[in-house]
N, C-alpha and C. Protein backbone atom coordinates (compact mmCIF):
# COMPACT_ATOMS: atom_id res chain seq x y z
N UNK A 1 -9.84 127.79 165.88
CA UNK A 1 -9.44 128.61 164.75
C UNK A 1 -9.41 127.76 163.49
N UNK A 2 -9.37 128.47 162.40
CA UNK A 2 -9.44 127.83 161.09
C UNK A 2 -8.50 128.57 160.15
N UNK A 3 -7.75 127.83 159.34
CA UNK A 3 -6.79 128.45 158.40
C UNK A 3 -7.12 128.02 156.98
N UNK A 4 -6.86 128.91 156.05
CA UNK A 4 -7.01 128.60 154.63
C UNK A 4 -5.71 128.98 153.93
N UNK A 5 -5.17 128.02 153.19
CA UNK A 5 -3.92 128.25 152.46
C UNK A 5 -4.24 128.37 150.97
N UNK A 6 -3.89 129.52 150.43
CA UNK A 6 -4.05 129.79 149.01
C UNK A 6 -2.67 129.71 148.37
N UNK A 7 -2.55 128.93 147.32
CA UNK A 7 -1.29 128.89 146.57
C UNK A 7 -1.46 129.69 145.29
N UNK A 8 -0.46 130.54 145.01
CA UNK A 8 -0.49 131.43 143.86
C UNK A 8 0.77 131.25 143.01
N UNK A 9 0.64 131.51 141.72
CA UNK A 9 1.79 131.65 140.84
C UNK A 9 1.84 133.12 140.45
N UNK A 10 2.86 133.81 140.98
CA UNK A 10 2.98 135.26 140.78
C UNK A 10 4.21 135.52 139.92
N UNK A 11 4.04 136.08 138.73
CA UNK A 11 5.21 136.42 137.91
C UNK A 11 6.14 137.36 138.70
N UNK A 12 7.43 137.11 138.58
CA UNK A 12 8.43 137.88 139.33
C UNK A 12 8.24 139.38 139.16
N UNK A 13 7.96 139.82 137.95
CA UNK A 13 7.81 141.25 137.69
C UNK A 13 6.52 141.83 138.28
N UNK A 14 5.63 140.98 138.75
CA UNK A 14 4.36 141.42 139.33
C UNK A 14 4.33 141.26 140.85
N UNK A 15 5.42 140.80 141.46
CA UNK A 15 5.41 140.50 142.88
C UNK A 15 5.09 141.72 143.75
N UNK A 16 5.73 142.84 143.48
CA UNK A 16 5.46 144.04 144.29
C UNK A 16 4.00 144.47 144.17
N UNK A 17 3.47 144.45 142.96
CA UNK A 17 2.07 144.81 142.74
C UNK A 17 1.14 143.82 143.47
N UNK A 18 1.44 142.53 143.35
CA UNK A 18 0.63 141.52 144.03
C UNK A 18 0.65 141.74 145.54
N UNK A 19 1.82 142.00 146.08
CA UNK A 19 1.93 142.21 147.53
C UNK A 19 1.11 143.43 147.97
N UNK A 20 1.16 144.50 147.20
CA UNK A 20 0.37 145.70 147.54
C UNK A 20 -1.13 145.39 147.51
N UNK A 21 -1.58 144.69 146.47
CA UNK A 21 -3.00 144.36 146.35
C UNK A 21 -3.41 143.38 147.43
N UNK A 22 -2.57 142.38 147.71
CA UNK A 22 -2.86 141.42 148.78
C UNK A 22 -2.99 142.15 150.13
N UNK A 23 -2.08 143.07 150.41
CA UNK A 23 -2.11 143.82 151.67
C UNK A 23 -3.43 144.59 151.80
N UNK A 24 -3.82 145.27 150.75
CA UNK A 24 -5.06 146.03 150.76
C UNK A 24 -6.27 145.11 150.92
N UNK A 25 -6.30 144.00 150.18
CA UNK A 25 -7.41 143.06 150.28
C UNK A 25 -7.49 142.45 151.67
N UNK A 26 -6.35 142.07 152.21
CA UNK A 26 -6.32 141.46 153.54
C UNK A 26 -6.83 142.43 154.59
N UNK A 27 -6.37 143.67 154.54
CA UNK A 27 -6.83 144.67 155.51
C UNK A 27 -8.33 144.90 155.38
N UNK A 28 -8.81 144.99 154.15
CA UNK A 28 -10.23 145.21 153.91
C UNK A 28 -11.07 144.05 154.45
N UNK A 29 -10.65 142.83 154.15
CA UNK A 29 -11.37 141.64 154.62
C UNK A 29 -11.36 141.60 156.14
N UNK A 30 -10.19 141.82 156.72
CA UNK A 30 -10.05 141.76 158.18
C UNK A 30 -10.97 142.75 158.88
N UNK A 31 -11.12 143.93 158.30
CA UNK A 31 -11.91 144.98 158.94
C UNK A 31 -13.40 144.95 158.60
N UNK A 32 -13.79 144.19 157.57
CA UNK A 32 -15.19 144.26 157.14
C UNK A 32 -15.92 142.92 157.10
N UNK A 33 -15.21 141.82 157.30
CA UNK A 33 -15.85 140.51 157.20
C UNK A 33 -15.81 139.82 158.56
N UNK A 34 -16.98 139.46 159.06
CA UNK A 34 -17.08 138.80 160.36
C UNK A 34 -16.24 137.53 160.38
N UNK A 35 -15.44 137.38 161.43
CA UNK A 35 -14.64 136.16 161.62
C UNK A 35 -13.28 136.17 160.96
N UNK A 36 -12.99 137.16 160.12
CA UNK A 36 -11.69 137.24 159.45
C UNK A 36 -10.66 137.78 160.43
N UNK A 37 -9.54 137.06 160.58
CA UNK A 37 -8.53 137.42 161.58
C UNK A 37 -7.18 137.78 160.97
N UNK A 38 -7.14 138.01 159.65
CA UNK A 38 -5.89 138.41 159.01
C UNK A 38 -5.23 137.29 158.24
N UNK A 39 -4.06 137.59 157.70
CA UNK A 39 -3.37 136.67 156.80
C UNK A 39 -1.88 136.98 156.82
N UNK A 40 -1.08 136.01 156.37
CA UNK A 40 0.32 136.28 156.12
C UNK A 40 0.72 135.64 154.81
N UNK A 41 1.85 136.10 154.25
CA UNK A 41 2.30 135.67 152.93
C UNK A 41 3.69 135.06 153.02
N UNK A 42 3.89 133.97 152.29
CA UNK A 42 5.18 133.30 152.18
C UNK A 42 5.54 133.16 150.70
N UNK A 43 6.82 133.32 150.39
CA UNK A 43 7.29 133.07 149.02
C UNK A 43 8.35 131.98 149.07
N UNK A 44 8.26 131.04 148.17
CA UNK A 44 9.20 129.93 148.13
C UNK A 44 10.61 130.44 147.84
N UNK A 45 11.57 129.96 148.61
CA UNK A 45 12.98 130.29 148.37
C UNK A 45 13.49 129.59 147.13
N UNK A 46 12.94 128.43 146.82
CA UNK A 46 13.40 127.64 145.68
C UNK A 46 12.67 127.99 144.38
N UNK A 47 11.43 128.41 144.49
CA UNK A 47 10.61 128.76 143.32
C UNK A 47 9.94 130.11 143.61
N UNK A 48 10.63 131.22 143.34
CA UNK A 48 10.14 132.54 143.74
C UNK A 48 8.76 132.92 143.20
N UNK A 49 8.28 132.28 142.15
CA UNK A 49 6.95 132.59 141.65
C UNK A 49 5.85 131.89 142.46
N UNK A 50 6.25 130.96 143.34
CA UNK A 50 5.28 130.26 144.18
C UNK A 50 5.09 131.04 145.48
N UNK A 51 3.85 131.46 145.71
CA UNK A 51 3.50 132.26 146.89
C UNK A 51 2.33 131.59 147.60
N UNK A 52 2.43 131.55 148.93
CA UNK A 52 1.32 131.07 149.75
C UNK A 52 0.79 132.24 150.56
N UNK A 53 -0.51 132.37 150.62
CA UNK A 53 -1.13 133.31 151.55
C UNK A 53 -1.98 132.46 152.50
N UNK A 54 -1.77 132.66 153.77
CA UNK A 54 -2.42 131.83 154.79
C UNK A 54 -3.32 132.74 155.63
N UNK A 55 -4.61 132.52 155.49
CA UNK A 55 -5.60 133.34 156.19
C UNK A 55 -6.08 132.63 157.45
N UNK A 56 -6.34 133.42 158.47
CA UNK A 56 -6.84 132.89 159.74
C UNK A 56 -8.27 133.36 159.92
N UNK A 57 -9.13 132.41 160.26
CA UNK A 57 -10.56 132.68 160.47
C UNK A 57 -10.97 132.13 161.82
N UNK A 58 -11.99 132.75 162.40
CA UNK A 58 -12.51 132.27 163.67
C UNK A 58 -13.12 130.87 163.51
N UNK A 59 -13.93 130.68 162.44
CA UNK A 59 -14.56 129.38 162.19
C UNK A 59 -14.62 129.09 160.69
N UNK A 60 -14.82 127.84 160.36
CA UNK A 60 -15.01 127.45 158.96
C UNK A 60 -16.25 128.14 158.39
N UNK A 61 -17.30 128.24 159.20
CA UNK A 61 -18.54 128.86 158.75
C UNK A 61 -18.31 130.33 158.35
N UNK A 62 -17.50 131.05 159.13
CA UNK A 62 -17.17 132.44 158.78
C UNK A 62 -16.51 132.49 157.41
N UNK A 63 -15.54 131.62 157.18
CA UNK A 63 -14.85 131.60 155.89
C UNK A 63 -15.80 131.22 154.76
N UNK A 64 -16.64 130.22 154.99
CA UNK A 64 -17.56 129.78 153.93
C UNK A 64 -18.53 130.89 153.53
N UNK A 65 -18.97 131.68 154.50
CA UNK A 65 -19.84 132.82 154.16
C UNK A 65 -19.10 133.82 153.27
N UNK A 66 -17.83 134.05 153.57
CA UNK A 66 -17.00 134.94 152.75
C UNK A 66 -16.71 134.31 151.39
N UNK A 67 -16.35 133.05 151.39
CA UNK A 67 -15.87 132.36 150.18
C UNK A 67 -16.97 132.23 149.14
N UNK A 68 -18.19 131.97 149.57
CA UNK A 68 -19.35 131.95 148.69
C UNK A 68 -19.15 131.22 147.38
N UNK A 69 -18.97 131.97 146.31
CA UNK A 69 -18.86 131.39 144.97
C UNK A 69 -17.42 131.11 144.56
N UNK A 70 -16.51 131.07 145.49
CA UNK A 70 -15.08 130.78 145.26
C UNK A 70 -14.33 131.91 144.55
N UNK A 71 -14.98 133.03 144.35
CA UNK A 71 -14.32 134.16 143.71
C UNK A 71 -14.76 135.46 144.37
N UNK A 72 -14.44 135.61 145.65
CA UNK A 72 -14.88 136.82 146.36
C UNK A 72 -14.39 138.09 145.67
N UNK A 73 -15.26 139.08 145.62
CA UNK A 73 -14.93 140.34 144.98
C UNK A 73 -13.67 140.96 145.57
N UNK A 74 -13.49 140.84 146.90
CA UNK A 74 -12.34 141.45 147.56
C UNK A 74 -11.01 140.81 147.12
N UNK A 75 -11.06 139.64 146.48
CA UNK A 75 -9.83 138.99 146.02
C UNK A 75 -9.66 139.08 144.50
N UNK A 76 -10.59 139.73 143.81
CA UNK A 76 -10.57 139.76 142.36
C UNK A 76 -9.29 140.37 141.80
N UNK A 77 -8.82 141.48 142.36
CA UNK A 77 -7.61 142.12 141.84
C UNK A 77 -6.39 141.21 141.97
N UNK A 78 -6.36 140.40 143.01
CA UNK A 78 -5.25 139.45 143.17
C UNK A 78 -5.25 138.46 142.01
N UNK A 79 -6.46 138.01 141.63
CA UNK A 79 -6.57 137.04 140.54
C UNK A 79 -6.27 137.65 139.18
N UNK A 80 -6.35 138.95 139.07
CA UNK A 80 -5.99 139.62 137.82
C UNK A 80 -4.48 139.68 137.64
N UNK A 81 -3.74 139.64 138.74
CA UNK A 81 -2.28 139.75 138.71
C UNK A 81 -1.62 138.37 138.69
N UNK A 82 -2.19 137.42 139.44
CA UNK A 82 -1.55 136.12 139.62
C UNK A 82 -2.56 135.00 139.39
N UNK A 83 -2.04 133.82 139.17
CA UNK A 83 -2.88 132.63 139.00
C UNK A 83 -3.05 131.94 140.34
N UNK A 84 -4.28 131.76 140.76
CA UNK A 84 -4.53 131.00 141.98
C UNK A 84 -4.49 129.53 141.63
N UNK A 85 -3.55 128.80 142.23
CA UNK A 85 -3.32 127.39 141.93
C UNK A 85 -4.23 126.50 142.75
N UNK A 86 -4.35 126.79 144.04
CA UNK A 86 -5.17 125.93 144.90
C UNK A 86 -5.62 126.68 146.14
N UNK A 87 -6.64 126.11 146.77
CA UNK A 87 -7.17 126.61 148.04
C UNK A 87 -7.41 125.38 148.90
N UNK A 88 -6.83 125.37 150.09
CA UNK A 88 -7.00 124.22 150.98
C UNK A 88 -7.30 124.71 152.38
N UNK A 89 -8.31 124.12 153.01
CA UNK A 89 -8.77 124.54 154.32
C UNK A 89 -8.27 123.57 155.40
N UNK A 90 -7.93 124.15 156.57
CA UNK A 90 -7.38 123.36 157.67
C UNK A 90 -8.00 123.81 158.99
N UNK A 91 -8.31 122.85 159.85
CA UNK A 91 -8.66 123.17 161.23
C UNK A 91 -7.36 123.34 161.99
N UNK A 92 -7.24 124.42 162.73
CA UNK A 92 -6.04 124.65 163.53
C UNK A 92 -6.13 123.81 164.80
N UNK A 93 -5.17 122.96 164.99
CA UNK A 93 -5.13 122.08 166.18
C UNK A 93 -4.42 122.78 167.33
N UNK A 94 -3.27 123.36 167.02
CA UNK A 94 -2.49 124.04 168.06
C UNK A 94 -1.54 125.02 167.38
N UNK A 95 -1.37 126.18 167.98
CA UNK A 95 -0.46 127.20 167.46
C UNK A 95 0.48 127.60 168.60
N UNK A 96 1.75 127.30 168.42
CA UNK A 96 2.73 127.63 169.46
C UNK A 96 3.68 128.73 169.00
N UNK A 97 3.28 129.49 167.95
CA UNK A 97 4.09 130.62 167.52
C UNK A 97 3.91 131.76 168.50
N UNK A 98 4.83 132.67 168.49
CA UNK A 98 4.76 133.82 169.40
C UNK A 98 4.62 135.09 168.63
């Protein structure tokens, strides 16, 4: 498996809107893009404007096909609401969550 962590700066007053758009984008990607396995969202307890979205992919190649020009159309609305700070890719070594 392969994970991608996106860091966002989401204005507090835009959080609900961002969450709705992220949910819609995630569902759309999961159902229409080969290798996409979903995502989850975390918000910092110490810095509420800091949000991480962590996507799970079958392979790096699947993600790279989706990622293309670094601005996939399916993520455009998210970028209109919040600032994407970083994107970092990780190979999943082991997952012991339930």
